Amino acid sequence: MTIESDQQRADQLTGVITATGNVRIVYPDERVVATARQAQYFSKENRVVLSGDVDIVQEGGNLIRAEQVVYLVDGERLIAIPPRGEQVFSRVRIQQSTPQPAAAQP
């Protein structure tokens, strides 16, 4: 994973890494790019919190837009929180499976 931002800081006592300003995270293993105004990684909880105009785009067209997204790394769970008075937006591309030909009977 790579993180680009205007500013980054790490607190060794709390185990929190904070990136602020034009945050862009690239997670090539999952083919995901996320942008936000702020990102925090809580190493003790193995949790990532993206805040402010969050966009998460996965190769293939999947998309989530929210005000805040919490990613629980160990459980591979994502919680999206909308801006006040609005809704979370998501777009999921459903893969159509192609039927396999039936095996020939002898």
Protein backbone atom coordinates (compact mmCIF):
# COMPACT_ATOMS: atom_id res chain seq x y z
CA MET A 1 0.00 0.00 0.00
CA THR A 2 1.26 3.50 -0.76
CA ILE A 3 0.00 6.75 0.76
CA GLU A 4 0.44 10.18 -0.81
CA SER A 5 -0.65 13.35 1.00
CA ASP A 6 0.28 16.94 1.74
CA GLN A 7 1.39 16.01 5.26
CA GLN A 8 1.98 12.81 7.23
CA ARG A 9 2.85 12.18 10.85
CA ALA A 10 3.31 9.12 13.02
CA ASP A 11 2.89 8.89 16.79
CA GLN A 12 5.01 6.05 18.16
CA LEU A 13 3.26 6.12 21.55
CA THR A 14 -0.29 5.71 20.24
CA GLY A 15 0.62 3.81 17.07
CA VAL A 16 -1.45 6.21 14.95
CA ILE A 17 -0.30 7.36 11.51
CA THR A 18 -2.17 10.39 10.13
CA ALA A 19 -2.10 11.69 6.56
CA THR A 20 -3.83 14.98 5.77
CA GLY A 21 -4.53 17.01 2.66
CA ASN A 22 -5.15 15.48 -0.77
CA VAL A 23 -4.79 11.94 0.54
CA ARG A 24 -4.44 9.21 -2.08
CA ILE A 25 -4.02 5.58 -1.09
CA VAL A 26 -3.16 2.89 -3.62
CA TYR A 27 -3.71 -0.72 -2.54
CA PRO A 28 -2.52 -2.77 -5.55
CA ASP A 29 -3.26 -6.20 -4.03
CA GLU A 30 -6.97 -5.34 -3.98
CA ARG A 31 -6.77 -3.12 -7.10
CA VAL A 32 -8.16 -0.20 -5.06
CA VAL A 33 -7.49 3.56 -5.07
CA ALA A 34 -8.96 5.71 -2.29
CA THR A 35 -8.97 9.49 -1.91
CA ALA A 36 -9.95 11.60 1.11
CA ARG A 37 -9.04 14.74 2.99
CA GLN A 38 -7.60 12.70 5.88
CA ALA A 39 -6.58 9.12 6.56
CA GLN A 40 -5.60 7.58 9.87
CA TYR A 41 -4.15 4.13 10.47
CA PHE A 42 -4.60 2.82 14.01
CA SER A 43 -1.94 0.11 14.13
CA LYS A 44 -2.99 -1.31 17.52
CA GLU A 45 -6.54 -1.96 16.26
CA ASN A 46 -5.47 -2.62 12.64
CA ARG A 47 -8.10 -0.09 11.52
CA VAL A 48 -8.05 2.60 8.82
CA VAL A 49 -10.34 5.66 8.99
CA LEU A 50 -10.76 7.83 5.88
CA SER A 51 -12.50 11.17 6.42
CA GLY A 52 -13.77 13.97 4.21
CA ASP A 53 -15.07 13.44 0.68
CA VAL A 54 -14.05 9.79 0.60
CA ASP A 55 -13.99 8.01 -2.76
CA ILE A 56 -12.93 4.38 -2.99
CA VAL A 57 -12.64 2.96 -6.49
CA GLN A 58 -11.88 -0.65 -7.29
CA GLU A 59 -10.70 -1.78 -10.72
CA GLY A 60 -13.72 -3.03 -12.63
CA GLY A 61 -16.00 -0.16 -11.62
CA ASN A 62 -16.92 -0.73 -7.96
CA LEU A 63 -17.21 2.60 -6.13
CA ILE A 64 -18.10 3.95 -2.67
CA ARG A 65 -18.61 7.63 -1.83
CA ALA A 66 -19.09 8.72 1.78
CA GLU A 67 -18.05 11.32 4.32
CA GLN A 68 -16.21 8.73 6.40
CA VAL A 69 -15.17 5.13 5.83
CA VAL A 70 -13.85 2.80 8.50
CA TYR A 71 -11.96 -0.26 7.26
CA LEU A 72 -11.40 -3.08 9.76
CA VAL A 73 -8.38 -4.78 8.21
CA ASP A 74 -8.50 -8.09 10.12
CA GLY A 75 -12.15 -8.74 9.39
CA GLU A 76 -12.02 -7.21 5.90
CA ARG A 77 -15.10 -5.14 6.82
CA LEU A 78 -15.93 -1.67 5.62
CA ILE A 79 -18.33 0.77 7.30
CA ALA A 80 -19.37 3.83 5.26
CA ILE A 81 -20.90 6.87 6.97
CA PRO A 82 -22.69 9.51 4.84
CA PRO A 83 -22.50 13.29 5.17
CA ARG A 84 -25.13 14.66 7.57
CA GLY A 85 -28.57 14.51 5.95
CA GLU A 86 -27.33 12.60 2.92
CA GLN A 87 -26.72 9.00 1.90
CA VAL A 88 -23.75 6.82 1.09
CA PHE A 89 -23.39 6.17 -2.64
CA SER A 90 -22.10 2.87 -3.93
CA ARG A 91 -21.89 1.26 -7.32
CA VAL A 92 -21.20 -2.45 -7.59
CA ARG A 93 -20.54 -4.21 -10.87
CA ILE A 94 -22.01 -7.69 -10.76
CA GLN A 95 -19.99 -10.23 -12.68
CA GLN A 96 -22.09 -12.38 -14.98
CA SER A 97 -20.84 -15.94 -14.78
CA THR A 98 -20.65 -17.79 -18.05
CA PRO A 99 -22.25 -21.23 -17.98
CA GLN A 100 -19.85 -24.11 -18.33
CA PRO A 101 -20.64 -26.68 -21.01
CA ALA A 102 -21.99 -29.96 -19.66
CA ALA A 103 -19.53 -32.80 -19.59
CA ALA A 104 -20.00 -35.29 -22.41
CA GLN A 105 -21.55 -38.56 -21.32
CA PRO A 106 -19.69 -41.73 -22.48
